[in-house]
Structures are given as C-alpha cells and as structure tokens.
Amino acid sequence: MSLGAPEGWTRSGTDTVTWFKRFEFGDYAKLRTFLDALAELAKETGMHPDNIGFGRDYANISLETRVTDAENAALAEFAESLDRLAKTV
C-alpha cells in the first residue's frame, strides 16, 4: 500500500491520513483564481478538501483519507490536480 503524499505535500496520521500543502501566490487575484478553479475541480470530481484556510496571498489545503489503496490513489490524483492548478494562475 502506498501511503506517501505526492511531492510537496506533507503527510501525518495513521488510521486517517492527512496531507497538507501551503500554496502561495503573488496577490489576492491569483489566489482567488486558484480558489475558483479548486471549486470547479471539486464539483467535477466529487472530491473536496477537508480544510481550506487562506489569507491575502496563500491557501492552506488539507486532504484526509482512510488508509486504503483506492482512496489513496484518488486523493493523490486530486492533490496533483491542485498542484497543476496552482502553476497555471
């Protein structure tokens, strides 16, 4: 079973795994674009972050999963999609 978080994400927990990443942006407009794209991605995939905290130029994202291969793979794909979104804004 692969329990490691994607590159750039930190992992914590045992029974329920939490992956965390801080995304930083040059200004609020870029952050807002990212958050809007994240909302669309969540709507399309049916996957949603468990926690989002943000300020003027950053967003802290937490994703949680039970420790199963299927959930881990789906979560990794969602996390990697967020990484790609952050690079496009």
PDB file of N, CA and C in Angstrom:
ATOM      1  N   MET A   1       0.839  -1.170   0.000  1.00  0.00           N
ATOM      2  CA  MET A   1       0.000   0.000   0.000  1.00  0.00           C
ATOM      3  C   MET A   1       0.889   1.239   0.000  1.00  0.00           C
ATOM      4  N   SER A   2       0.649   2.158  -0.900  1.00  0.00           N
ATOM      5  CA  SER A   2       1.433   3.386  -0.997  1.00  0.00           C
ATOM      6  C   SER A   2       0.742   4.490  -0.207  1.00  0.00           C
ATOM      7  N   LEU A   3       1.358   4.900   0.882  1.00  0.00           N
ATOM      8  CA  LEU A   3       0.726   5.900   1.739  1.00  0.00           C
ATOM      9  C   LEU A   3       1.404   7.251   1.670  1.00  0.00           C
ATOM     10  N   GLY A   4       2.444   7.360   0.874  1.00  0.00           N
ATOM     11  CA  GLY A   4       3.161   8.618   0.794  1.00  0.00           C
ATOM     12  C   GLY A   4       2.360   9.689   0.092  1.00  0.00           C
ATOM     13  N   ALA A   5       2.520  10.903   0.551  1.00  0.00           N
ATOM     14  CA  ALA A   5       1.869  12.045  -0.086  1.00  0.00           C
ATOM     15  C   ALA A   5       2.630  12.408  -1.358  1.00  0.00           C
ATOM     16  N   PRO A   6       1.943  13.027  -2.309  1.00  0.00           N
ATOM     17  CA  PRO A   6       2.645  13.500  -3.512  1.00  0.00           C
ATOM     18  C   PRO A   6       3.743  14.494  -3.139  1.00  0.00           C
ATOM     19  N   GLU A   7       4.682  14.659  -4.027  1.00  0.00           N
ATOM     20  CA  GLU A   7       5.799  15.578  -3.788  1.00  0.00           C
ATOM     21  C   GLU A   7       5.277  16.968  -3.430  1.00  0.00           C
ATOM     22  N   GLY A   8       5.857  17.542  -2.377  1.00  0.00           N
ATOM     23  CA  GLY A   8       5.470  18.877  -1.940  1.00  0.00           C
ATOM     24  C   GLY A   8       4.372  18.897  -0.892  1.00  0.00           C
ATOM     25  N   TRP A   9       3.746  17.766  -0.647  1.00  0.00           N
ATOM     26  CA  TRP A   9       2.704  17.645   0.367  1.00  0.00           C
ATOM     27  C   TRP A   9       3.301  16.954   1.598  1.00  0.00           C
ATOM     28  N   THR A  10       2.860  17.356   2.787  1.00  0.00           N
ATOM     29  CA  THR A  10       3.296  16.672   3.998  1.00  0.00           C
ATOM     30  C   THR A  10       2.192  15.713   4.434  1.00  0.00           C
ATOM     31  N   ARG A  11       2.596  14.620   5.054  1.00  0.00           N
ATOM     32  CA  ARG A  11       1.662  13.572   5.472  1.00  0.00           C
ATOM     33  C   ARG A  11       1.723  13.427   6.981  1.00  0.00           C
ATOM     34  N   SER A  12       0.552  13.253   7.598  1.00  0.00           N
ATOM     35  CA  SER A  12       0.503  12.959   9.025  1.00  0.00           C
ATOM     36  C   SER A  12      -0.654  11.994   9.284  1.00  0.00           C
ATOM     37  N   GLY A  13      -0.596  11.313  10.405  1.00  0.00           N
ATOM     38  CA  GLY A  13      -1.664  10.406  10.795  1.00  0.00           C
ATOM     39  C   GLY A  13      -1.360   8.962  10.478  1.00  0.00           C
ATOM     40  N   THR A  14      -2.194   8.076  11.033  1.00  0.00           N
ATOM     41  CA  THR A  14      -2.024   6.643  10.803  1.00  0.00           C
ATOM     42  C   THR A  14      -3.307   6.027  10.252  1.00  0.00           C
ATOM     43  N   ASP A  15      -4.383   5.951  11.046  1.00  0.00           N
ATOM     44  CA  ASP A  15      -5.632   5.362  10.562  1.00  0.00           C
ATOM     45  C   ASP A  15      -6.293   6.260   9.519  1.00  0.00           C
ATOM     46  N   THR A  16      -6.366   7.531   9.812  1.00  0.00           N
ATOM     47  CA  THR A  16      -6.811   8.524   8.842  1.00  0.00           C
ATOM     48  C   THR A  16      -5.595   9.366   8.515  1.00  0.00           C
ATOM     49  N   VAL A  17      -5.284   9.438   7.241  1.00  0.00           N
ATOM     50  CA  VAL A  17      -4.093  10.156   6.794  1.00  0.00           C
ATOM     51  C   VAL A  17      -4.492  11.556   6.346  1.00  0.00           C
ATOM     52  N   THR A  18      -3.730  12.548   6.756  1.00  0.00           N
ATOM     53  CA  THR A  18      -3.942  13.925   6.324  1.00  0.00           C
ATOM     54  C   THR A  18      -2.750  14.371   5.506  1.00  0.00           C
ATOM     55  N   TRP A  19      -3.031  14.928   4.346  1.00  0.00           N
ATOM     56  CA  TRP A  19      -1.999  15.550   3.507  1.00  0.00           C
ATOM     57  C   TRP A  19      -2.228  17.049   3.561  1.00  0.00           C
ATOM     58  N   PHE A  20      -1.145  17.804   3.663  1.00  0.00           N
ATOM     59  CA  PHE A  20      -1.223  19.255   3.798  1.00  0.00           C
ATOM     60  C   PHE A  20      -0.256  19.922   2.832  1.00  0.00           C
ATOM     61  N   LYS A  21      -0.705  21.030   2.264  1.00  0.00           N
ATOM     62  CA  LYS A  21       0.190  21.842   1.445  1.00  0.00           C
ATOM     63  C   LYS A  21      -0.238  23.305   1.531  1.00  0.00           C
ATOM     64  N   ARG A  22       0.759  24.175   1.567  1.00  0.00           N
ATOM     65  CA  ARG A  22       0.524  25.619   1.521  1.00  0.00           C
ATOM     66  C   ARG A  22       0.842  26.077   0.104  1.00  0.00           C
ATOM     67  N   PHE A  23      -0.120  26.698  -0.537  1.00  0.00           N
ATOM     68  CA  PHE A  23       0.057  27.272  -1.868  1.00  0.00           C
ATOM     69  C   PHE A  23       0.202  28.781  -1.710  1.00  0.00           C
ATOM     70  N   GLU A  24       1.261  29.335  -2.278  1.00  0.00           N
ATOM     71  CA  GLU A  24       1.485  30.778  -2.167  1.00  0.00           C
ATOM     72  C   GLU A  24       1.362  31.427  -3.533  1.00  0.00           C
ATOM     73  N   PHE A  25       0.779  32.639  -3.547  1.00  0.00           N
ATOM     74  CA  PHE A  25       0.509  33.359  -4.781  1.00  0.00           C
ATOM     75  C   PHE A  25       1.005  34.794  -4.653  1.00  0.00           C
ATOM     76  N   GLY A  26       1.211  35.437  -5.762  1.00  0.00           N
ATOM     77  CA  GLY A  26       1.746  36.795  -5.756  1.00  0.00           C
ATOM     78  C   GLY A  26       0.785  37.843  -5.244  1.00  0.00           C
ATOM     79  N   ASP A  27      -0.515  37.575  -5.344  1.00  0.00           N
ATOM     80  CA  ASP A  27      -1.502  38.543  -4.901  1.00  0.00           C
ATOM     81  C   ASP A  27      -2.860  37.873  -4.721  1.00  0.00           C
ATOM     82  N   TYR A  28      -3.821  38.645  -4.229  1.00  0.00           N
ATOM     83  CA  TYR A  28      -5.141  38.094  -3.954  1.00  0.00           C
ATOM     84  C   TYR A  28      -5.851  37.636  -5.224  1.00  0.00           C
ATOM     85  N   ALA A  29      -5.667  38.350  -6.324  1.00  0.00           N
ATOM     86  CA  ALA A  29      -6.338  37.978  -7.574  1.00  0.00           C
ATOM     87  C   ALA A  29      -5.937  36.565  -8.015  1.00  0.00           C
ATOM     88  N   LYS A  30      -4.663  36.243  -7.887  1.00  0.00           N
ATOM     89  CA  LYS A  30      -4.195  34.901  -8.253  1.00  0.00           C
ATOM     90  C   LYS A  30      -4.753  33.858  -7.283  1.00  0.00           C
ATOM     91  N   LEU A  31      -4.772  34.192  -6.003  1.00  0.00           N
ATOM     92  CA  LEU A  31      -5.359  33.292  -5.009  1.00  0.00           C
ATOM     93  C   LEU A  31      -6.824  33.032  -5.340  1.00  0.00           C
ATOM     94  N   ARG A  32      -7.573  34.093  -5.646  1.00  0.00           N
ATOM     95  CA  ARG A  32      -9.000  33.960  -5.957  1.00  0.00           C
ATOM     96  C   ARG A  32      -9.209  33.074  -7.191  1.00  0.00           C
ATOM     97  N   THR A  33      -8.358  33.243  -8.200  1.00  0.00           N
ATOM     98  CA  THR A  33      -8.440  32.401  -9.398  1.00  0.00           C
ATOM     99  C   THR A  33      -8.224  30.939  -9.032  1.00  0.00           C
ATOM    100  N   PHE A  34      -7.226  30.675  -8.187  1.00  0.00           N
ATOM    101  CA  PHE A  34      -6.956  29.311  -7.726  1.00  0.00           C
ATOM    102  C   PHE A  34      -8.147  28.744  -6.962  1.00  0.00           C
ATOM    103  N   LEU A  35      -8.701  29.511  -6.035  1.00  0.00           N
ATOM    104  CA  LEU A  35      -9.824  29.015  -5.242  1.00  0.00           C
ATOM    105  C   LEU A  35     -11.051  28.737  -6.112  1.00  0.00           C
ATOM    106  N   ASP A  36     -11.299  29.584  -7.100  1.00  0.00           N
ATOM    107  CA  ASP A  36     -12.411  29.350  -8.017  1.00  0.00           C
ATOM    108  C   ASP A  36     -12.190  28.081  -8.831  1.00  0.00           C
ATOM    109  N   ALA A  37     -10.962  27.881  -9.301  1.00  0.00           N
ATOM    110  CA  ALA A  37     -10.634  26.674 -10.063  1.00  0.00           C
ATOM    111  C   ALA A  37     -10.718  25.437  -9.172  1.00  0.00           C
ATOM    112  N   LEU A  38     -10.301  25.562  -7.919  1.00  0.00           N
ATOM    113  CA  LEU A  38     -10.412  24.459  -6.964  1.00  0.00           C
ATOM    114  C   LEU A  38     -11.883  24.082  -6.785  1.00  0.00           C
ATOM    115  N   ALA A  39     -12.757  25.064  -6.658  1.00  0.00           N
ATOM    116  CA  ALA A  39     -14.190  24.796  -6.502  1.00  0.00           C
ATOM    117  C   ALA A  39     -14.743  24.048  -7.714  1.00  0.00           C
ATOM    118  N   GLU A  40     -14.325  24.447  -8.905  1.00  0.00           N
ATOM    119  CA  GLU A  40     -14.769  23.760 -10.123  1.00  0.00           C
ATOM    120  C   GLU A  40     -14.252  22.327 -10.167  1.00  0.00           C
ATOM    121  N   LEU A  41     -12.991  22.137  -9.808  1.00  0.00           N
ATOM    122  CA  LEU A  41     -12.401  20.799  -9.785  1.00  0.00           C
ATOM    123  C   LEU A  41     -13.144  19.907  -8.790  1.00  0.00           C
ATOM    124  N   ALA A  42     -13.451  20.443  -7.622  1.00  0.00           N
ATOM    125  CA  ALA A  42     -14.184  19.676  -6.608  1.00  0.00           C
ATOM    126  C   ALA A  42     -15.564  19.284  -7.127  1.00  0.00           C
ATOM    127  N   LYS A  43     -16.209  20.206  -7.803  1.00  0.00           N
ATOM    128  CA  LYS A  43     -17.536  19.929  -8.364  1.00  0.00           C
ATOM    129  C   LYS A  43     -17.454  18.828  -9.425  1.00  0.00           C
ATOM    130  N   GLU A  44     -16.441  18.901 -10.282  1.00  0.00           N
ATOM    131  CA  GLU A  44     -16.270  17.922 -11.362  1.00  0.00           C
ATOM    132  C   GLU A  44     -15.911  16.536 -10.837  1.00  0.00           C
ATOM    133  N   THR A  45     -15.049  16.475  -9.828  1.00  0.00           N
ATOM    134  CA  THR A  45     -14.536  15.195  -9.355  1.00  0.00           C
ATOM    135  C   THR A  45     -15.335  14.602  -8.197  1.00  0.00           C
ATOM    136  N   GLY A  46     -16.095  15.441  -7.492  1.00  0.00           N
ATOM    137  CA  GLY A  46     -16.798  14.983  -6.308  1.00  0.00           C
ATOM    138  C   GLY A  46     -15.882  14.854  -5.097  1.00  0.00           C
ATOM    139  N   MET A  47     -14.634  15.282  -5.239  1.00  0.00           N
ATOM    140  CA  MET A  47     -13.682  15.274  -4.119  1.00  0.00           C
ATOM    141  C   MET A  47     -13.541  16.701  -3.602  1.00  0.00           C
ATOM    142  N   HIS A  48     -13.434  16.831  -2.306  1.00  0.00           N
ATOM    143  CA  HIS A  48     -13.366  18.159  -1.692  1.00  0.00           C
ATOM    144  C   HIS A  48     -12.285  18.182  -0.615  1.00  0.00           C
ATOM    145  N   PRO A  49     -11.561  19.290  -0.510  1.00  0.00           N
ATOM    146  CA  PRO A  49     -10.609  19.414   0.593  1.00  0.00           C
ATOM    147  C   PRO A  49     -11.354  19.324   1.922  1.00  0.00           C
ATOM    148  N   ASP A  50     -10.683  18.796   2.928  1.00  0.00           N
ATOM    149  CA  ASP A  50     -11.285  18.716   4.248  1.00  0.00           C
ATOM    150  C   ASP A  50     -11.141  20.021   5.005  1.00  0.00           C
ATOM    151  N   ASN A  51     -10.148  20.804   4.634  1.00  0.00           N
ATOM    152  CA  ASN A  51      -9.948  22.095   5.275  1.00  0.00           C
ATOM    153  C   ASN A  51      -9.230  23.020   4.302  1.00  0.00           C
ATOM    154  N   ILE A  52      -9.723  24.247   4.216  1.00  0.00           N
ATOM    155  CA  ILE A  52      -9.073  25.294   3.424  1.00  0.00           C
ATOM    156  C   ILE A  52      -8.959  26.519   4.321  1.00  0.00           C
ATOM    157  N   GLY A  53      -7.752  27.002   4.477  1.00  0.00           N
ATOM    158  CA  GLY A  53      -7.522  28.257   5.174  1.00  0.00           C
ATOM    159  C   GLY A  53      -6.763  29.156   4.214  1.00  0.00           C
ATOM    160  N   PHE A  54      -7.116  30.424   4.172  1.00  0.00           N
ATOM    161  CA  PHE A  54      -6.407  31.298   3.239  1.00  0.00           C
ATOM    162  C   PHE A  54      -6.296  32.706   3.775  1.00  0.00           C
ATOM    163  N   GLY A  55      -5.310  33.399   3.250  1.00  0.00           N
ATOM    164  CA  GLY A  55      -5.080  34.797   3.556  1.00  0.00           C
ATOM    165  C   GLY A  55      -4.973  35.563   2.255  1.00  0.00           C
ATOM    166  N   ARG A  56      -4.369  36.719   2.287  1.00  0.00           N
ATOM    167  CA  ARG A  56      -4.285  37.583   1.114  1.00  0.00           C
ATOM    168  C   ARG A  56      -3.574  36.935  -0.068  1.00  0.00           C
ATOM    169  N   ASP A  57      -2.556  36.111   0.199  1.00  0.00           N
ATOM    170  CA  ASP A  57      -1.773  35.568  -0.914  1.00  0.00           C
ATOM    171  C   ASP A  57      -1.381  34.099  -0.728  1.00  0.00           C
ATOM    172  N   TYR A  58      -2.161  33.360   0.070  1.00  0.00           N
ATOM    173  CA  TYR A  58      -1.847  31.943   0.274  1.00  0.00           C
ATOM    174  C   TYR A  58      -3.126  31.153   0.558  1.00  0.00           C
ATOM    175  N   ALA A  59      -3.040  29.849   0.343  1.00  0.00           N
ATOM    176  CA  ALA A  59      -4.115  28.930   0.729  1.00  0.00           C
ATOM    177  C   ALA A  59      -3.474  27.699   1.356  1.00  0.00           C
ATOM    178  N   ASN A  60      -3.961  27.305   2.516  1.00  0.00           N
ATOM    179  CA  ASN A  60      -3.550  26.069   3.170  1.00  0.00           C
ATOM    180  C   ASN A  60      -4.634  25.030   2.900  1.00  0.00           C
ATOM    181  N   ILE A  61      -4.239  23.917   2.300  1.00  0.00           N
ATOM    182  CA  ILE A  61      -5.194  22.875   1.924  1.00  0.00           C
ATOM    183  C   ILE A  61      -4.868  21.594   2.682  1.00  0.00           C
ATOM    184  N   SER A  62      -5.879  20.993   3.296  1.00  0.00           N
ATOM    185  CA  SER A  62      -5.737  19.694   3.951  1.00  0.00           C
ATOM    186  C   SER A  62      -6.685  18.706   3.287  1.00  0.00           C
ATOM    187  N   LEU A  63      -6.159  17.533   2.985  1.00  0.00           N
ATOM    188  CA  LEU A  63      -6.942  16.441   2.406  1.00  0.00           C
ATOM    189  C   LEU A  63      -6.820  15.250   3.331  1.00  0.00           C
ATOM    190  N   GLU A  64      -7.931  14.576   3.618  1.00  0.00           N
ATOM    191  CA  GLU A  64      -7.895  13.418   4.504  1.00  0.00           C
ATOM    192  C   GLU A  64      -8.409  12.186   3.778  1.00  0.00           C
ATOM    193  N   THR A  65      -7.852  11.029   4.129  1.00  0.00           N
ATOM    194  CA  THR A  65      -8.291   9.765   3.563  1.00  0.00           C
ATOM    195  C   THR A  65      -8.079   8.647   4.564  1.00  0.00           C
ATOM    196  N   ARG A  66      -8.857   7.621   4.435  1.00  0.00           N
ATOM    197  CA  ARG A  66      -8.587   6.393   5.183  1.00  0.00           C
ATOM    198  C   ARG A  66      -7.404   5.735   4.477  1.00  0.00           C
ATOM    199  N   VAL A  67      -6.769   4.844   5.147  1.00  0.00           N
ATOM    200  CA  VAL A  67      -5.553   4.240   4.598  1.00  0.00           C
ATOM    201  C   VAL A  67      -5.916   3.033   3.732  1.00  0.00           C
ATOM    202  N   THR A  68      -6.412   3.310   2.513  1.00  0.00           N
ATOM    203  CA  THR A  68      -6.678   2.253   1.539  1.00  0.00           C
ATOM    204  C   THR A  68      -6.063   2.657   0.211  1.00  0.00           C
ATOM    205  N   ASP A  69      -5.686   1.679  -0.580  1.00  0.00           N
ATOM    206  CA  ASP A  69      -5.064   1.974  -1.871  1.00  0.00           C
ATOM    207  C   ASP A  69      -5.971   2.804  -2.760  1.00  0.00           C
ATOM    208  N   ALA A  70      -7.254   2.440  -2.852  1.00  0.00           N
ATOM    209  CA  ALA A  70      -8.168   3.146  -3.747  1.00  0.00           C
ATOM    210  C   ALA A  70      -8.344   4.605  -3.336  1.00  0.00           C
ATOM    211  N   GLU A  71      -8.569   4.838  -2.044  1.00  0.00           N
ATOM    212  CA  GLU A  71      -8.733   6.215  -1.577  1.00  0.00           C
ATOM    213  C   GLU A  71      -7.438   6.994  -1.710  1.00  0.00           C
ATOM    214  N   ASN A  72      -6.323   6.346  -1.429  1.00  0.00           N
ATOM    215  CA  ASN A  72      -5.027   6.999  -1.527  1.00  0.00           C
ATOM    216  C   ASN A  72      -4.739   7.423  -2.974  1.00  0.00           C
ATOM    217  N   ALA A  73      -5.047   6.562  -3.928  1.00  0.00           N
ATOM    218  CA  ALA A  73      -4.806   6.873  -5.345  1.00  0.00           C
ATOM    219  C   ALA A  73      -5.688   8.026  -5.804  1.00  0.00           C
ATOM    220  N   ALA A  74      -6.959   8.019  -5.412  1.00  0.00           N
ATOM    221  CA  ALA A  74      -7.867   9.097  -5.801  1.00  0.00           C
ATOM    222  C   ALA A  74      -7.426  10.418  -5.175  1.00  0.00           C
ATOM    223  N   LEU A  75      -7.012  10.369  -3.922  1.00  0.00           N
ATOM    224  CA  LEU A  75      -6.556  11.575  -3.242  1.00  0.00           C
ATOM    225  C   LEU A  75      -5.284  12.115  -3.887  1.00  0.00           C
ATOM    226  N   ALA A  76      -4.371  11.221  -4.245  1.00  0.00           N
ATOM    227  CA  ALA A  76      -3.129  11.648  -4.899  1.00  0.00           C
ATOM    228  C   ALA A  76      -3.429  12.326  -6.226  1.00  0.00           C
ATOM    229  N   GLU A  77      -4.367  11.794  -6.986  1.00  0.00           N
ATOM    230  CA  GLU A  77      -4.737  12.411  -8.262  1.00  0.00           C
ATOM    231  C   GLU A  77      -5.341  13.800  -8.043  1.00  0.00           C
ATOM    232  N   PHE A  78      -6.187  13.939  -7.019  1.00  0.00           N
ATOM    233  CA  PHE A  78      -6.776  15.236  -6.700  1.00  0.00           C
ATOM    234  C   PHE A  78      -5.694  16.223  -6.265  1.00  0.00           C
ATOM    235  N   ALA A  79      -4.775  15.791  -5.405  1.00  0.00           N
ATOM    236  CA  ALA A  79      -3.680  16.654  -4.941  1.00  0.00           C
ATOM    237  C   ALA A  79      -2.812  17.109  -6.107  1.00  0.00           C
ATOM    238  N   GLU A  80      -2.511  16.203  -7.013  1.00  0.00           N
ATOM    239  CA  GLU A  80      -1.697  16.560  -8.183  1.00  0.00           C
ATOM    240  C   GLU A  80      -2.443  17.526  -9.096  1.00  0.00           C
ATOM    241  N   SER A  81      -3.758  17.399  -9.181  1.00  0.00           N
ATOM    242  CA  SER A  81      -4.557  18.362  -9.954  1.00  0.00           C
ATOM    243  C   SER A  81      -4.483  19.744  -9.322  1.00  0.00           C
ATOM    244  N   LEU A  82      -4.500  19.817  -7.991  1.00  0.00           N
ATOM    245  CA  LEU A  82      -4.359  21.105  -7.312  1.00  0.00           C
ATOM    246  C   LEU A  82      -2.985  21.711  -7.582  1.00  0.00           C
ATOM    247  N   ASP A  83      -1.959  20.876  -7.592  1.00  0.00           N
ATOM    248  CA  ASP A  83      -0.604  21.367  -7.920  1.00  0.00           C
ATOM    249  C   ASP A  83      -0.584  21.974  -9.321  1.00  0.00           C
ATOM    250  N   ARG A  84      -1.209  21.293 -10.277  1.00  0.00           N
ATOM    251  CA  ARG A  84      -1.244  21.827 -11.656  1.00  0.00           C
ATOM    252  C   ARG A  84      -2.030  23.127 -11.725  1.00  0.00           C
ATOM    253  N   LEU A  85      -3.149  23.206 -11.016  1.00  0.00           N
ATOM    254  CA  LEU A  85      -3.935  24.444 -10.995  1.00  0.00           C
ATOM    255  C   LEU A  85      -3.102  25.611 -10.468  1.00  0.00           C
ATOM    256  N   ALA A  86      -2.388  25.366  -9.376  1.00  0.00           N
ATOM    257  CA  ALA A  86      -1.593  26.435  -8.761  1.00  0.00           C
ATOM    258  C   ALA A  86      -0.542  26.970  -9.727  1.00  0.00           C
ATOM    259  N   LYS A  87      -0.026  26.116 -10.591  1.00  0.00           N
ATOM    260  CA  LYS A  87       1.007  26.542 -11.537  1.00  0.00           C
ATOM    261  C   LYS A  87       0.437  27.372 -12.687  1.00  0.00           C
ATOM    262  N   THR A  88      -0.870  27.268 -12.920  1.00  0.00           N
ATOM    263  CA  THR A  88      -1.471  27.975 -14.062  1.00  0.00           C
ATOM    264  C   THR A  88      -1.956  29.371 -13.720  1.00  0.00           C
ATOM    265  N   VAL A  89      -2.009  29.718 -12.434  1.00  0.00           N
ATOM    266  CA  VAL A  89      -2.524  31.053 -12.068  1.00  0.00           C
ATOM    267  C   VAL A  89      -1.401  32.042 -11.920  1.00  0.00           C
TER     268      VAL A  89
END
